[in-house]
C-alpha atoms as a PDB file:
ATOM      1  CA  MET A   1       0.052   0.028   0.004  1.00  0.00           C
ATOM      2  CA  LYS A   2       1.284   3.483  -0.901  1.00  0.00           C
ATOM      3  CA  PHE A   3       1.043   5.949   1.922  1.00  0.00           C
ATOM      4  CA  ASN A   4       0.771   9.860   1.835  1.00  0.00           C
ATOM      5  CA  ILE A   5       0.524  10.910   5.397  1.00  0.00           C
ATOM      6  CA  ILE A   6      -0.140  15.026   5.683  1.00  0.00           C
ATOM      7  CA  GLY A   7      -0.077  16.859   8.942  1.00  0.00           C
ATOM      8  CA  ARG A   8      -2.082  20.067   9.138  1.00  0.00           C
ATOM      9  CA  LYS A   9      -1.195  22.270  11.920  1.00  0.00           C
ATOM     10  CA  ILE A  10       0.751  19.321  13.606  1.00  0.00           C
ATOM     11  CA  THR A  11       3.600  17.801  13.151  1.00  0.00           C
ATOM     12  CA  VAL A  12       3.617  14.060  12.001  1.00  0.00           C
ATOM     13  CA  ASN A  13       6.654  12.157  13.519  1.00  0.00           C
ATOM     14  CA  GLU A  14       8.072   8.752  12.598  1.00  0.00           C
ATOM     15  CA  LYS A  15       6.421   6.936  15.640  1.00  0.00           C
ATOM     16  CA  ASN A  16       2.945   8.322  14.483  1.00  0.00           C
ATOM     17  CA  SER A  17       3.605   7.390  11.072  1.00  0.00           C
ATOM     18  CA  GLU A  18       4.764   3.879  11.663  1.00  0.00           C
ATOM     19  CA  TYR A  19       1.643   3.379  13.701  1.00  0.00           C
ATOM     20  CA  ILE A  20      -0.669   4.660  11.010  1.00  0.00           C
ATOM     21  CA  LYS A  21       1.096   2.502   8.378  1.00  0.00           C
ATOM     22  CA  LYS A  22       0.658  -0.719  10.606  1.00  0.00           C
ATOM     23  CA  LYS A  23      -2.935   0.056  11.398  1.00  0.00           C
ATOM     24  CA  ILE A  24      -4.116   1.173   7.877  1.00  0.00           C
ATOM     25  CA  GLY A  25      -2.070  -1.296   6.209  1.00  0.00           C
ATOM     26  CA  LYS A  26      -4.203  -4.251   7.610  1.00  0.00           C
ATOM     27  CA  LEU A  27      -6.757  -3.292   5.220  1.00  0.00           C
ATOM     28  CA  ASP A  28      -4.634  -4.020   2.088  1.00  0.00           C
ATOM     29  CA  LYS A  29      -5.564  -7.585   2.072  1.00  0.00           C
ATOM     30  CA  PHE A  30      -9.266  -6.418   0.819  1.00  0.00           C
ATOM     31  CA  PHE A  31      -8.009  -4.866  -2.437  1.00  0.00           C
ATOM     32  CA  LYS A  32      -6.832  -6.740  -5.599  1.00  0.00           C
ATOM     33  CA  GLN A  33      -4.793  -4.055  -6.889  1.00  0.00           C
ATOM     34  CA  GLU A  34      -2.148  -1.969  -4.709  1.00  0.00           C
ATOM     35  CA  PRO A  35      -4.298   0.650  -3.045  1.00  0.00           C
ATOM     36  CA  GLU A  36      -2.987   4.213  -2.337  1.00  0.00           C
ATOM     37  CA  ALA A  37      -3.753   5.687   1.407  1.00  0.00           C
ATOM     38  CA  ARG A  38      -4.041   9.386   1.992  1.00  0.00           C
ATOM     39  CA  ILE A  39      -4.112  10.287   5.601  1.00  0.00           C
ATOM     40  CA  VAL A  40      -4.698  13.722   6.996  1.00  0.00           C
ATOM     41  CA  ILE A  41      -3.802  14.774  10.600  1.00  0.00           C
ATOM     42  CA  GLY A  42      -4.587  17.882  11.950  1.00  0.00           C
ATOM     43  CA  THR A  43      -6.303  20.421  14.498  1.00  0.00           C
ATOM     44  CA  VAL A  44      -8.984  22.964  14.260  1.00  0.00           C
ATOM     45  CA  LYS A  45      -9.502  25.148  17.198  1.00  0.00           C
ATOM     46  CA  ASP A  46     -10.010  22.838  20.208  1.00  0.00           C
ATOM     47  CA  LYS A  47     -10.424  19.706  18.063  1.00  0.00           C
ATOM     48  CA  GLU A  48      -8.034  16.991  16.683  1.00  0.00           C
ATOM     49  CA  TYR A  49      -8.975  14.990  13.493  1.00  0.00           C
ATOM     50  CA  ILE A  50      -7.698  12.271  11.405  1.00  0.00           C
ATOM     51  CA  GLU A  51      -9.179  11.481   7.859  1.00  0.00           C
ATOM     52  CA  ALA A  52      -8.328   8.423   6.177  1.00  0.00           C
ATOM     53  CA  THR A  53      -9.137   7.895   2.437  1.00  0.00           C
ATOM     54  CA  ILE A  54      -7.997   4.650   0.410  1.00  0.00           C
ATOM     55  CA  TYR A  55      -8.117   4.546  -3.358  1.00  0.00           C
ATOM     56  CA  SER A  56      -8.209   1.598  -5.256  1.00  0.00           C
ATOM     57  CA  GLU A  57      -9.763   0.131  -8.649  1.00  0.00           C
ATOM     58  CA  GLY A  58     -12.130   3.156  -8.605  1.00  0.00           C
ATOM     59  CA  ILE A  59     -13.196   2.388  -5.218  1.00  0.00           C
ATOM     60  CA  ILE A  60     -12.861   5.189  -2.593  1.00  0.00           C
ATOM     61  CA  VAL A  61     -13.155   4.437   1.121  1.00  0.00           C
ATOM     62  CA  ASN A  62     -13.049   7.432   3.454  1.00  0.00           C
ATOM     63  CA  SER A  63     -13.302   7.590   7.030  1.00  0.00           C
ATOM     64  CA  THR A  64     -13.138  10.481   9.455  1.00  0.00           C
ATOM     65  CA  SER A  65     -12.829  10.773  13.470  1.00  0.00           C
ATOM     66  CA  LEU A  66     -12.833  13.638  15.767  1.00  0.00           C
ATOM     67  CA  ARG A  67     -11.716  14.416  19.050  1.00  0.00           C
ATOM     68  CA  LEU A  68     -12.453  17.432  21.595  1.00  0.00           C
ATOM     69  CA  LEU A  69      -9.470  18.624  23.466  1.00  0.00           C
END
């Protein structure tokens, strides 16, 4: 799986990047062709969010999680 990890108003360090790749990489078995994952981590005012989008074979899978600080 190809990963594109983006931090918006937050720094993505190697530890966070490896954790994301480990967890999202488990979804690789559900796709026939190699998927591409775009993960955006950021903050907006008093909220943190992570948004994961996976592209493969014309299929788009999207998930968003939000946490209040």
